[in-house]
C-alpha atoms as a PDB file:
ATOM      1  CA  UNK A   1      91.311  83.599  70.860  1.00  0.00           C
ATOM      2  CA  UNK A   2      94.965  85.013  72.186  1.00  0.00           C
ATOM      3  CA  UNK A   3      95.340  89.043  73.186  1.00  0.00           C
ATOM      4  CA  UNK A   4      98.869  90.667  73.074  1.00  0.00           C
ATOM      5  CA  UNK A   5      99.392  94.612  73.475  1.00  0.00           C
ATOM      6  CA  UNK A   6     101.803  96.179  70.997  1.00  0.00           C
ATOM      7  CA  UNK A   7     104.573  98.675  72.894  1.00  0.00           C
ATOM      8  CA  UNK A   8     105.240 101.810  70.011  1.00  0.00           C
ATOM      9  CA  UNK A   9     106.135 105.357  70.577  1.00  0.00           C
ATOM     10  CA  UNK A  10     108.867 107.058  72.283  1.00  0.00           C
ATOM     11  CA  UNK A  11     109.417 109.151  75.566  1.00  0.00           C
ATOM     12  CA  UNK A  12     112.093 111.899  75.503  1.00  0.00           C
ATOM     13  CA  UNK A  13     114.431 111.150  78.393  1.00  0.00           C
ATOM     14  CA  UNK A  14     116.730 113.274  80.249  1.00  0.00           C
ATOM     15  CA  UNK A  15     119.962 111.302  80.525  1.00  0.00           C
ATOM     16  CA  UNK A  16     120.732 108.106  78.587  1.00  0.00           C
ATOM     17  CA  UNK A  17     120.731 104.827  79.557  1.00  0.00           C
ATOM     18  CA  UNK A  18     122.847 101.919  80.199  1.00  0.00           C
ATOM     19  CA  UNK A  19     123.024  98.686  77.333  1.00  0.00           C
ATOM     20  CA  UNK A  20     122.858  95.639  79.049  1.00  0.00           C
ATOM     21  CA  UNK A  21     121.041  97.289  82.449  1.00  0.00           C
ATOM     22  CA  UNK A  22     117.933  96.437  83.486  1.00  0.00           C
ATOM     23  CA  UNK A  23     114.897  98.789  83.267  1.00  0.00           C
ATOM     24  CA  UNK A  24     111.406  98.380  85.191  1.00  0.00           C
ATOM     25  CA  UNK A  25     109.080 101.219  82.898  1.00  0.00           C
ATOM     26  CA  UNK A  26     105.613 102.503  83.902  1.00  0.00           C
ATOM     27  CA  UNK A  27     103.625 103.670  81.418  1.00  0.00           C
ATOM     28  CA  UNK A  28     100.396 105.634  81.254  1.00  0.00           C
ATOM     29  CA  UNK A  29      99.245 105.643  77.400  1.00  0.00           C
ATOM     30  CA  UNK A  30      96.484 104.923  75.232  1.00  0.00           C
ATOM     31  CA  UNK A  31      95.405 101.524  73.044  1.00  0.00           C
ATOM     32  CA  UNK A  32      95.113 103.678  69.421  1.00  0.00           C
ATOM     33  CA  UNK A  33      94.583 100.477  67.436  1.00  0.00           C
ATOM     34  CA  UNK A  34      92.927  97.244  67.325  1.00  0.00           C
ATOM     35  CA  UNK A  35      93.638  94.068  65.197  1.00  0.00           C
ATOM     36  CA  UNK A  36      92.027  91.283  64.948  1.00  0.00           C
ATOM     37  CA  UNK A  37      94.514  88.089  63.193  1.00  0.00           C
ATOM     38  CA  UNK A  38      92.866  85.222  61.653  1.00  0.00           C
ATOM     39  CA  UNK A  39      95.087  81.911  62.774  1.00  0.00           C
ATOM     40  CA  UNK A  40      93.416  79.449  59.973  1.00  0.00           C
ATOM     41  CA  UNK A  41      92.507  77.268  62.545  1.00  0.00           C
ATOM     42  CA  UNK A  42      89.209  79.495  63.076  1.00  0.00           C
ATOM     43  CA  UNK A  43      90.707  81.416  65.894  1.00  0.00           C
ATOM     44  CA  UNK A  44      92.242  84.690  65.850  1.00  0.00           C
ATOM     45  CA  UNK A  45      94.652  86.858  67.760  1.00  0.00           C
ATOM     46  CA  UNK A  46      93.804  90.634  68.873  1.00  0.00           C
ATOM     47  CA  UNK A  47      96.966  92.777  69.188  1.00  0.00           C
ATOM     48  CA  UNK A  48      96.374  96.029  70.578  1.00  0.00           C
ATOM     49  CA  UNK A  49      98.715  99.115  70.173  1.00  0.00           C
ATOM     50  CA  UNK A  50      99.711 100.714  72.827  1.00  0.00           C
ATOM     51  CA  UNK A  51     101.164 104.321  73.085  1.00  0.00           C
ATOM     52  CA  UNK A  52     102.786 106.402  76.035  1.00  0.00           C
ATOM     53  CA  UNK A  53     101.646 109.412  77.072  1.00  0.00           C
ATOM     54  CA  UNK A  54     103.263 109.259  80.018  1.00  0.00           C
ATOM     55  CA  UNK A  55     106.832 107.446  81.464  1.00  0.00           C
ATOM     56  CA  UNK A  56     108.736 106.694  84.375  1.00  0.00           C
ATOM     57  CA  UNK A  57     112.040 104.551  84.385  1.00  0.00           C
ATOM     58  CA  UNK A  58     113.451 102.672  87.571  1.00  0.00           C
ATOM     59  CA  UNK A  59     116.821 101.169  86.957  1.00  0.00           C
ATOM     60  CA  UNK A  60     118.066  98.172  89.035  1.00  0.00           C
ATOM     61  CA  UNK A  61     119.053 100.827  91.764  1.00  0.00           C
ATOM     62  CA  UNK A  62     116.082 102.500  92.335  1.00  0.00           C
ATOM     63  CA  UNK A  63     116.533 105.509  90.925  1.00  0.00           C
ATOM     64  CA  UNK A  64     113.545 106.721  88.714  1.00  0.00           C
ATOM     65  CA  UNK A  65     114.093 108.688  86.065  1.00  0.00           C
ATOM     66  CA  UNK A  66     110.540 110.761  84.147  1.00  0.00           C
ATOM     67  CA  UNK A  67     110.108 111.271  80.566  1.00  0.00           C
ATOM     68  CA  UNK A  68     108.823 114.491  79.541  1.00  0.00           C
ATOM     69  CA  UNK A  69     105.102 115.264  78.744  1.00  0.00           C
ATOM     70  CA  UNK A  70     105.598 115.633  75.173  1.00  0.00           C
ATOM     71  CA  UNK A  71     101.599 116.377  74.443  1.00  0.00           C
ATOM     72  CA  UNK A  72     100.705 119.897  74.228  1.00  0.00           C
ATOM     73  CA  UNK A  73      98.493 122.004  75.727  1.00  0.00           C
ATOM     74  CA  UNK A  74      95.973 121.939  73.889  1.00  0.00           C
ATOM     75  CA  UNK A  75      96.318 117.855  74.125  1.00  0.00           C
ATOM     76  CA  UNK A  76      96.365 117.936  77.468  1.00  0.00           C
ATOM     77  CA  UNK A  77      93.845 120.429  77.838  1.00  0.00           C
ATOM     78  CA  UNK A  78      91.634 117.831  76.051  1.00  0.00           C
ATOM     79  CA  UNK A  79      92.401 114.521  78.101  1.00  0.00           C
ATOM     80  CA  UNK A  80      91.307 116.666  81.420  1.00  0.00           C
ATOM     81  CA  UNK A  81      88.677 117.263  79.757  1.00  0.00           C
ATOM     82  CA  UNK A  82      88.090 113.651  78.665  1.00  0.00           C
ATOM     83  CA  UNK A  83      88.321 112.212  82.270  1.00  0.00           C
ATOM     84  CA  UNK A  84      86.295 114.630  84.146  1.00  0.00           C
ATOM     85  CA  UNK A  85      84.197 113.667  81.038  1.00  0.00           C
ATOM     86  CA  UNK A  86      83.824 110.647  81.721  1.00  0.00           C
ATOM     87  CA  UNK A  87      83.952 110.344  85.667  1.00  0.00           C
ATOM     88  CA  UNK A  88      81.300 112.679  85.965  1.00  0.00           C
ATOM     89  CA  UNK A  89      79.188 111.315  83.377  1.00  0.00           C
ATOM     90  CA  UNK A  90      78.720 114.870  81.516  1.00  0.00           C
ATOM     91  CA  UNK A  91      74.949 114.399  79.549  1.00  0.00           C
ATOM     92  CA  UNK A  92      76.305 115.890  76.027  1.00  0.00           C
ATOM     93  CA  UNK A  93      78.942 114.552  73.358  1.00  0.00           C
ATOM     94  CA  UNK A  94      82.236 114.787  74.373  1.00  0.00           C
ATOM     95  CA  UNK A  95      83.564 116.598  71.742  1.00  0.00           C
ATOM     96  CA  UNK A  96      81.111 119.170  72.268  1.00  0.00           C
ATOM     97  CA  UNK A  97      81.566 119.451  75.583  1.00  0.00           C
ATOM     98  CA  UNK A  98      85.453 119.960  74.752  1.00  0.00           C
ATOM     99  CA  UNK A  99      84.487 122.880  72.427  1.00  0.00           C
ATOM    100  CA  UNK A 100      81.881 124.302  75.682  1.00  0.00           C
ATOM    101  CA  UNK A 101      84.942 123.971  78.337  1.00  0.00           C
ATOM    102  CA  UNK A 102      87.441 125.957  75.346  1.00  0.00           C
ATOM    103  CA  UNK A 103      84.853 128.468  74.182  1.00  0.00           C
ATOM    104  CA  UNK A 104      84.174 129.744  78.361  1.00  0.00           C
ATOM    105  CA  UNK A 105      88.180 129.940  78.806  1.00  0.00           C
ATOM    106  CA  UNK A 106      88.554 132.177  76.016  1.00  0.00           C
ATOM    107  CA  UNK A 107      85.194 133.908  77.194  1.00  0.00           C
ATOM    108  CA  UNK A 108      86.780 134.752  80.388  1.00  0.00           C
ATOM    109  CA  UNK A 109      90.337 135.181  80.300  1.00  0.00           C
ATOM    110  CA  UNK A 110      90.982 138.013  81.509  1.00  0.00           C
ATOM    111  CA  UNK A 111      88.983 137.024  84.592  1.00  0.00           C
ATOM    112  CA  UNK A 112      91.414 133.973  84.256  1.00  0.00           C
ATOM    113  CA  UNK A 113      94.609 135.746  84.296  1.00  0.00           C
ATOM    114  CA  UNK A 114      93.716 137.723  87.633  1.00  0.00           C
ATOM    115  CA  UNK A 115      92.577 134.423  88.641  1.00  0.00           C
ATOM    116  CA  UNK A 116      96.249 133.011  88.491  1.00  0.00           C
ATOM    117  CA  UNK A 117      98.194 136.559  89.401  1.00  0.00           C
ATOM    118  CA  UNK A 118      96.504 136.455  92.797  1.00  0.00           C
END
């Protein structure tokens, strides 16, 4: 079995890059697709599609460029709820947990605003 990763997507960066220069790219993202292809010899090729969320670029002089997080606030909240749900072994389905958190924030919106003022 052969395994490959397909890097696909884009990141919004605050400055231009130069053709011909080498860059190191560190990316945090998600595997969004798995594809299994037959090699016609009884073996398979598995390809994973990786889509970046957070990207940092380093040039050959060690200078770093951080890409903007292009996710919406709702997407970032959902991702943060998922991390909490997974790390704390919450005893309910992930989607139900996210809805509960959202409903609690909405129900206590005034309290949240007072907390943010202090």
